[in-house]
Each structure stands twice: as structure tokens, then as C-alpha cells.
Amino acid sequence: MNVKDRMEDWRTPIFRRLVTLLLSFPFVGSASNAATIELIPAKIPDEPAFIFVTGGITAEDSRRFIEHSSATRKAIVAFNSPGGDLRAGLTIGATIRLRGFATLVDRDAYCASACALAWLGGFHRYMRNGAKIGFHAAYVNSNGFKKETGMGNAVAGAYLNELGIPVEAIEYITKAAPDEIQWLSFRDALILGISVRSLKEKIE
């Protein structure tokens, strides 16, 4: 089975509807606080481009990511972000999977919350020793406090299920309280069935 065929396996009607649903929500936020999204085109034919997502992920960043990546056939998306808007993170991750992109968190880079969910969208997921990838339950801000939201966890769970993430791993990803973080290790990924590659492996 070639790469194109494998990509088609993930283009399910449910997954496409999930992207459409996420994009249909009203988006708010300040563009001045948006993440930096930078596309570095490949210098050699058939090599992947790099898309760097840096900084907090705000509501409009999913649309910006789609625009930046729309003409790119093959890419590695490198994250360094504390997270941010849940819907934007899920939409970025779903877009990455639908396009067959790989994802990367490099040494000493930080990718948590919505960023970590977006990273999981990678057709191949890479992390280097020293990378920090963290998860917690979805939440909303209520009078200055973080309040866990069942609806947010449900949408995140549907997304993770479509990625083929095992139930035990979904529980792990959404278990930590909103003000806590569950940091992913290579050992935990192996035990939970989350496919993660070391950066030492060849990037396809």
C-alpha cells in the first residue's frame, strides 16, 4: 500500500464532518496574540516542507494554518506552543491528518494542551529526547477559574477515536485536571499504543 492509499484510509466521512463541524463554530480572538505559522518550502524535490507553529494557539489560527499549508503536498509540522484554543488545535490536527503530514516536537520544545492534540494528528509523529508533550482535560474559563467541560472532552475524544488512538490512551490524554499536565514519555506512548517515532529514525 503506497502513501496515497494510506492517506485515503483516514479520509473517512466522519473525520471530514468533524473538521467541518469544528470550522463552523464562531471564531473569536485577537490576531496580535496568534501563533507564528511559518512555511519553509522543500529545497529538494520530494523532500518535505517544514511548517513551524510557535506560540499560543488562538481561535483563528486553524484557518491560518489551512491557508499556509493548502499548497503543500508533503510537510513536517514542528510545534513549540503552550496550547490554547481547543477547537483550533483539533482542527489543525485534523487538517494535518487529512493531508498526510508528519508532526514533530524537537529537543527542548514545549507542546501542551491544544498543541499536543494537534501533534497527535500527524500521520507519523516524531519527538526528540528532551521534548515536552503534555495533556490535560478540556476546560472553559469560568469567573477566572478553569472548569472542566464534558462537551470539550467529548469532541476531543471523537477526534482521538478517528485518529485510531486506543481507549486507554484517550483516558490518559484527558485524565489530568485542567490546571495539571500529564507529560508523555516514550515508555508511556509504547504502553498505551500511541505511535511515536524518535527523531533518529528516517523521516518519510
C-alpha atoms as a PDB file:
ATOM      1  CA  MET A   1       0.000   0.000   0.000  1.00  0.00           C
ATOM      2  CA  ASN A   2       1.537   3.342  -1.015  1.00  0.00           C
ATOM      3  CA  VAL A   3       1.433   6.590   0.969  1.00  0.00           C
ATOM      4  CA  LYS A   4      -1.516   7.960  -1.016  1.00  0.00           C
ATOM      5  CA  ASP A   5      -3.586   4.846  -0.290  1.00  0.00           C
ATOM      6  CA  ARG A   6      -2.726   5.048   3.404  1.00  0.00           C
ATOM      7  CA  MET A   7      -3.760   8.680   3.461  1.00  0.00           C
ATOM      8  CA  GLU A   8      -7.103   7.779   1.920  1.00  0.00           C
ATOM      9  CA  ASP A   9      -7.727   5.355   4.808  1.00  0.00           C
ATOM     10  CA  TRP A  10      -8.050   8.397   7.077  1.00  0.00           C
ATOM     11  CA  ARG A  11     -10.297  10.459   4.825  1.00  0.00           C
ATOM     12  CA  THR A  12     -13.438   8.995   6.338  1.00  0.00           C
ATOM     13  CA  PRO A  13     -16.772  10.810   6.084  1.00  0.00           C
ATOM     14  CA  ILE A  14     -16.888  11.056   9.892  1.00  0.00           C
ATOM     15  CA  PHE A  15     -13.461  12.684  10.040  1.00  0.00           C
ATOM     16  CA  ARG A  16     -14.321  15.149   7.278  1.00  0.00           C
ATOM     17  CA  ARG A  17     -17.563  16.014   9.074  1.00  0.00           C
ATOM     18  CA  LEU A  18     -15.606  16.575  12.274  1.00  0.00           C
ATOM     19  CA  VAL A  19     -13.373  19.122  10.525  1.00  0.00           C
ATOM     20  CA  THR A  20     -16.433  20.840   9.046  1.00  0.00           C
ATOM     21  CA  LEU A  21     -18.109  20.946  12.455  1.00  0.00           C
ATOM     22  CA  LEU A  22     -15.062  22.437  14.137  1.00  0.00           C
ATOM     23  CA  LEU A  23     -14.712  25.088  11.447  1.00  0.00           C
ATOM     24  CA  SER A  24     -18.391  26.008  11.739  1.00  0.00           C
ATOM     25  CA  PHE A  25     -18.022  27.357  15.275  1.00  0.00           C
ATOM     26  CA  PRO A  26     -17.744  31.147  15.533  1.00  0.00           C
ATOM     27  CA  PHE A  27     -14.118  32.186  15.974  1.00  0.00           C
ATOM     28  CA  VAL A  28     -13.052  34.996  18.251  1.00  0.00           C
ATOM     29  CA  GLY A  29      -9.716  36.241  19.475  1.00  0.00           C
ATOM     30  CA  SER A  30      -7.009  38.763  18.809  1.00  0.00           C
ATOM     31  CA  ALA A  31      -4.778  38.274  15.800  1.00  0.00           C
ATOM     32  CA  SER A  32      -1.995  40.086  17.677  1.00  0.00           C
ATOM     33  CA  ASN A  33      -1.791  37.117  20.061  1.00  0.00           C
ATOM     34  CA  ALA A  34      -1.924  34.491  17.335  1.00  0.00           C
ATOM     35  CA  ALA A  35       0.722  31.821  16.856  1.00  0.00           C
ATOM     36  CA  THR A  36       3.510  32.327  14.353  1.00  0.00           C
ATOM     37  CA  ILE A  37       2.955  29.938  11.429  1.00  0.00           C
ATOM     38  CA  GLU A  38       5.929  29.776   9.062  1.00  0.00           C
ATOM     39  CA  LEU A  39       6.229  27.639   5.951  1.00  0.00           C
ATOM     40  CA  ILE A  40       9.735  26.674   4.783  1.00  0.00           C
ATOM     41  CA  PRO A  41       9.439  25.096   1.305  1.00  0.00           C
ATOM     42  CA  ALA A  42      11.467  22.000   0.483  1.00  0.00           C
ATOM     43  CA  LYS A  43      14.716  22.718  -1.343  1.00  0.00           C
ATOM     44  CA  ILE A  44      14.882  19.260  -2.923  1.00  0.00           C
ATOM     45  CA  PRO A  45      12.036  17.643  -4.913  1.00  0.00           C
ATOM     46  CA  ASP A  46      10.078  15.006  -2.971  1.00  0.00           C
ATOM     47  CA  GLU A  47      11.538  16.212   0.330  1.00  0.00           C
ATOM     48  CA  PRO A  48       9.011  17.555   2.879  1.00  0.00           C
ATOM     49  CA  ALA A  49       8.474  21.215   3.557  1.00  0.00           C
ATOM     50  CA  PHE A  50       8.547  22.386   7.182  1.00  0.00           C
ATOM     51  CA  ILE A  51       5.714  24.262   8.838  1.00  0.00           C
ATOM     52  CA  PHE A  52       6.645  25.818  12.180  1.00  0.00           C
ATOM     53  CA  VAL A  53       3.834  26.595  14.638  1.00  0.00           C
ATOM     54  CA  THR A  54       5.175  28.701  17.503  1.00  0.00           C
ATOM     55  CA  GLY A  55       3.366  30.404  20.378  1.00  0.00           C
ATOM     56  CA  GLY A  56      -0.136  30.249  21.790  1.00  0.00           C
ATOM     57  CA  ILE A  57      -2.821  28.836  19.516  1.00  0.00           C
ATOM     58  CA  THR A  58      -5.767  31.207  19.161  1.00  0.00           C
ATOM     59  CA  ALA A  59      -9.159  30.672  17.583  1.00  0.00           C
ATOM     60  CA  GLU A  60      -8.303  31.993  14.122  1.00  0.00           C
ATOM     61  CA  ASP A  61      -5.059  30.004  13.837  1.00  0.00           C
ATOM     62  CA  SER A  62      -6.799  26.957  12.370  1.00  0.00           C
ATOM     63  CA  ARG A  63      -7.868  28.984   9.336  1.00  0.00           C
ATOM     64  CA  ARG A  64      -4.387  30.496   9.058  1.00  0.00           C
ATOM     65  CA  PHE A  65      -2.830  27.035   9.219  1.00  0.00           C
ATOM     66  CA  ILE A  66      -5.123  25.765   6.460  1.00  0.00           C
ATOM     67  CA  GLU A  67      -4.184  28.738   4.289  1.00  0.00           C
ATOM     68  CA  HIS A  68      -0.431  28.319   4.894  1.00  0.00           C
ATOM     69  CA  SER A  69      -0.485  24.593   4.158  1.00  0.00           C
ATOM     70  CA  SER A  70      -3.017  24.476   1.316  1.00  0.00           C
ATOM     71  CA  ALA A  71      -0.454  24.319  -1.499  1.00  0.00           C
ATOM     72  CA  THR A  72       1.886  21.924   0.293  1.00  0.00           C
ATOM     73  CA  ARG A  73       1.803  18.256  -0.714  1.00  0.00           C
ATOM     74  CA  LYS A  74       4.270  16.907   1.841  1.00  0.00           C
ATOM     75  CA  ALA A  75       5.254  18.532   5.133  1.00  0.00           C
ATOM     76  CA  ILE A  76       6.520  18.094   8.668  1.00  0.00           C
ATOM     77  CA  VAL A  77       4.732  20.341  11.160  1.00  0.00           C
ATOM     78  CA  ALA A  78       7.046  21.330  14.027  1.00  0.00           C
ATOM     79  CA  PHE A  79       5.361  22.596  17.201  1.00  0.00           C
ATOM     80  CA  ASN A  80       6.604  24.763  20.052  1.00  0.00           C
ATOM     81  CA  SER A  81       3.462  26.003  21.791  1.00  0.00           C
ATOM     82  CA  PRO A  82       1.832  26.013  25.248  1.00  0.00           C
ATOM     83  CA  GLY A  83      -1.524  25.305  23.593  1.00  0.00           C
ATOM     84  CA  GLY A  84      -4.583  27.495  23.539  1.00  0.00           C
ATOM     85  CA  ASP A  85      -7.927  27.244  21.762  1.00  0.00           C
ATOM     86  CA  LEU A  86      -9.193  23.646  21.786  1.00  0.00           C
ATOM     87  CA  ARG A  87     -11.208  23.845  18.553  1.00  0.00           C
ATOM     88  CA  ALA A  88      -8.286  25.392  16.701  1.00  0.00           C
ATOM     89  CA  GLY A  89      -5.911  22.712  17.968  1.00  0.00           C
ATOM     90  CA  LEU A  90      -8.252  19.911  16.922  1.00  0.00           C
ATOM     91  CA  THR A  91      -8.861  21.478  13.508  1.00  0.00           C
ATOM     92  CA  ILE A  92      -5.126  21.878  12.911  1.00  0.00           C
ATOM     93  CA  GLY A  93      -4.572  18.255  13.915  1.00  0.00           C
ATOM     94  CA  ALA A  94      -7.402  17.022  11.704  1.00  0.00           C
ATOM     95  CA  THR A  95      -6.047  19.035   8.763  1.00  0.00           C
ATOM     96  CA  ILE A  96      -2.596  17.552   9.321  1.00  0.00           C
ATOM     97  CA  ARG A  97      -4.005  14.015   9.257  1.00  0.00           C
ATOM     98  CA  LEU A  98      -6.196  14.593   6.206  1.00  0.00           C
ATOM     99  CA  ARG A  99      -3.157  15.899   4.295  1.00  0.00           C
ATOM    100  CA  GLY A 100      -0.859  13.113   5.444  1.00  0.00           C
ATOM    101  CA  PHE A 101       1.626  15.459   7.144  1.00  0.00           C
ATOM    102  CA  ALA A 102       4.051  14.333   9.853  1.00  0.00           C
ATOM    103  CA  THR A 103       4.406  16.170  13.170  1.00  0.00           C
ATOM    104  CA  LEU A 104       7.445  16.929  15.307  1.00  0.00           C
ATOM    105  CA  VAL A 105       8.338  18.260  18.747  1.00  0.00           C
ATOM    106  CA  ASP A 106      12.068  18.901  18.837  1.00  0.00           C
ATOM    107  CA  ARG A 107      14.518  18.772  21.737  1.00  0.00           C
ATOM    108  CA  ASP A 108      13.654  21.330  24.452  1.00  0.00           C
ATOM    109  CA  ALA A 109      10.491  22.351  22.572  1.00  0.00           C
ATOM    110  CA  TYR A 110       7.232  22.532  24.522  1.00  0.00           C
ATOM    111  CA  CYS A 111       3.890  21.329  23.181  1.00  0.00           C
ATOM    112  CA  ALA A 112       0.987  21.077  25.606  1.00  0.00           C
ATOM    113  CA  SER A 113      -2.804  21.149  25.742  1.00  0.00           C
ATOM    114  CA  ALA A 114      -4.311  22.002  22.335  1.00  0.00           C
ATOM    115  CA  CYS A 115      -0.844  21.847  20.787  1.00  0.00           C
ATOM    116  CA  ALA A 116      -0.370  18.246  21.945  1.00  0.00           C
ATOM    117  CA  LEU A 117      -3.743  17.295  20.462  1.00  0.00           C
ATOM    118  CA  ALA A 118      -2.714  18.879  17.156  1.00  0.00           C
ATOM    119  CA  TRP A 119       0.615  17.000  17.268  1.00  0.00           C
ATOM    120  CA  LEU A 120      -1.294  13.716  17.599  1.00  0.00           C
ATOM    121  CA  GLY A 121      -2.812  14.401  14.170  1.00  0.00           C
ATOM    122  CA  GLY A 122       0.492  13.570  12.490  1.00  0.00           C
ATOM    123  CA  PHE A 123       0.442  10.670  10.037  1.00  0.00           C
ATOM    124  CA  HIS A 124       3.832   9.978  11.596  1.00  0.00           C
ATOM    125  CA  ARG A 125       4.609  11.560  14.979  1.00  0.00           C
ATOM    126  CA  TYR A 126       8.170  12.467  15.902  1.00  0.00           C
ATOM    127  CA  MET A 127       9.649  13.645  19.184  1.00  0.00           C
ATOM    128  CA  ARG A 128      13.230  14.020  20.283  1.00  0.00           C
ATOM    129  CA  ASN A 129      14.653  13.308  23.722  1.00  0.00           C
ATOM    130  CA  GLY A 130      14.037  16.411  25.828  1.00  0.00           C
ATOM    131  CA  ALA A 131      10.779  17.305  24.076  1.00  0.00           C
ATOM    132  CA  LYS A 132       7.890  18.110  26.417  1.00  0.00           C
ATOM    133  CA  ILE A 133       4.455  16.970  25.208  1.00  0.00           C
ATOM    134  CA  GLY A 134       1.663  17.332  27.728  1.00  0.00           C
ATOM    135  CA  PHE A 135      -2.074  16.668  28.018  1.00  0.00           C
ATOM    136  CA  HIS A 136      -4.959  17.604  30.277  1.00  0.00           C
ATOM    137  CA  ALA A 137      -8.751  17.643  30.249  1.00  0.00           C
ATOM    138  CA  ALA A 138     -10.608  20.229  28.177  1.00  0.00           C
ATOM    139  CA  TYR A 139     -11.819  23.247  30.107  1.00  0.00           C
ATOM    140  CA  VAL A 140     -13.539  26.607  29.890  1.00  0.00           C
ATOM    141  CA  ASN A 141     -12.726  29.742  31.853  1.00  0.00           C
ATOM    142  CA  SER A 142     -15.462  30.456  34.388  1.00  0.00           C
ATOM    143  CA  ASN A 143     -15.080  33.587  36.506  1.00  0.00           C
ATOM    144  CA  GLY A 144     -11.318  33.293  36.349  1.00  0.00           C
ATOM    145  CA  PHE A 145     -11.273  29.573  37.120  1.00  0.00           C
ATOM    146  CA  LYS A 146     -10.602  26.635  34.823  1.00  0.00           C
ATOM    147  CA  LYS A 147     -13.701  24.426  34.715  1.00  0.00           C
ATOM    148  CA  GLU A 148     -13.557  21.037  33.021  1.00  0.00           C
ATOM    149  CA  THR A 149     -16.038  20.713  30.168  1.00  0.00           C
ATOM    150  CA  GLY A 150     -17.651  17.407  29.265  1.00  0.00           C
ATOM    151  CA  MET A 151     -18.553  18.651  25.797  1.00  0.00           C
ATOM    152  CA  GLY A 152     -14.947  19.633  25.106  1.00  0.00           C
ATOM    153  CA  ASN A 153     -13.707  16.233  26.259  1.00  0.00           C
ATOM    154  CA  ALA A 154     -16.352  14.539  24.101  1.00  0.00           C
ATOM    155  CA  VAL A 155     -15.262  16.416  20.962  1.00  0.00           C
ATOM    156  CA  ALA A 156     -11.600  15.717  21.749  1.00  0.00           C
ATOM    157  CA  GLY A 157     -12.468  12.054  22.324  1.00  0.00           C
ATOM    158  CA  ALA A 158     -14.244  11.822  18.952  1.00  0.00           C
ATOM    159  CA  TYR A 159     -11.189  13.336  17.263  1.00  0.00           C
ATOM    160  CA  LEU A 160      -8.807  10.952  19.032  1.00  0.00           C
ATOM    161  CA  ASN A 161     -11.001   7.973  18.175  1.00  0.00           C
ATOM    162  CA  GLU A 162     -10.898   8.908  14.491  1.00  0.00           C
ATOM    163  CA  LEU A 163      -7.099   9.042  14.740  1.00  0.00           C
ATOM    164  CA  GLY A 164      -7.158   5.441  15.930  1.00  0.00           C
ATOM    165  CA  ILE A 165      -5.960   6.306  19.442  1.00  0.00           C
ATOM    166  CA  PRO A 166      -6.777   3.415  21.837  1.00  0.00           C
ATOM    167  CA  VAL A 167      -9.378   3.943  24.570  1.00  0.00           C
ATOM    168  CA  GLU A 168      -6.763   3.586  27.319  1.00  0.00           C
ATOM    169  CA  ALA A 169      -4.701   6.322  25.674  1.00  0.00           C
ATOM    170  CA  ILE A 170      -7.732   8.626  25.351  1.00  0.00           C
ATOM    171  CA  GLU A 171      -8.332   8.231  29.090  1.00  0.00           C
ATOM    172  CA  TYR A 172      -4.651   9.065  29.720  1.00  0.00           C
ATOM    173  CA  ILE A 173      -4.818  12.132  27.455  1.00  0.00           C
ATOM    174  CA  THR A 174      -7.942  13.590  29.101  1.00  0.00           C
ATOM    175  CA  LYS A 175      -7.381  12.478  32.707  1.00  0.00           C
ATOM    176  CA  ALA A 176      -5.255  15.297  34.172  1.00  0.00           C
ATOM    177  CA  ALA A 177      -7.149  18.212  35.702  1.00  0.00           C
ATOM    178  CA  PRO A 178      -7.213  21.485  33.726  1.00  0.00           C
ATOM    179  CA  ASP A 179      -4.528  23.009  35.959  1.00  0.00           C
ATOM    180  CA  GLU A 180      -2.293  19.922  35.725  1.00  0.00           C
ATOM    181  CA  ILE A 181      -0.363  18.319  32.865  1.00  0.00           C
ATOM    182  CA  GLN A 182       0.321  14.677  32.055  1.00  0.00           C
ATOM    183  CA  TRP A 183       3.707  14.605  30.305  1.00  0.00           C
ATOM    184  CA  LEU A 184       4.126  11.962  27.615  1.00  0.00           C
ATOM    185  CA  SER A 185       7.204   9.724  27.646  1.00  0.00           C
ATOM    186  CA  PHE A 186       8.330   7.228  25.022  1.00  0.00           C
ATOM    187  CA  ARG A 187       7.584   4.483  27.558  1.00  0.00           C
ATOM    188  CA  ASP A 188       4.019   5.696  28.151  1.00  0.00           C
ATOM    189  CA  ALA A 189       3.440   6.008  24.401  1.00  0.00           C
ATOM    190  CA  LEU A 190       4.605   2.419  23.870  1.00  0.00           C
ATOM    191  CA  ILE A 191       2.436   1.050  26.693  1.00  0.00           C
ATOM    192  CA  LEU A 192      -0.645   2.998  25.566  1.00  0.00           C
ATOM    193  CA  GLY A 193      -0.309   2.190  21.879  1.00  0.00           C
ATOM    194  CA  ILE A 194       0.396   5.768  20.740  1.00  0.00           C
ATOM    195  CA  SER A 195       2.671   5.518  17.711  1.00  0.00           C
ATOM    196  CA  VAL A 196       5.655   7.830  18.222  1.00  0.00           C
ATOM    197  CA  ARG A 197       8.984   7.785  16.407  1.00  0.00           C
ATOM    198  CA  SER A 198      12.302   9.005  17.673  1.00  0.00           C
ATOM    199  CA  LEU A 199      13.819  11.750  15.549  1.00  0.00           C
ATOM    200  CA  LYS A 200      16.756   9.381  14.984  1.00  0.00           C
ATOM    201  CA  GLU A 201      14.539   7.391  12.624  1.00  0.00           C
ATOM    202  CA  LYS A 202      14.277   8.375   8.975  1.00  0.00           C
ATOM    203  CA  ILE A 203      11.598  10.983   8.376  1.00  0.00           C
ATOM    204  CA  GLU A 204       9.350   9.903   5.490  1.00  0.00           C
END
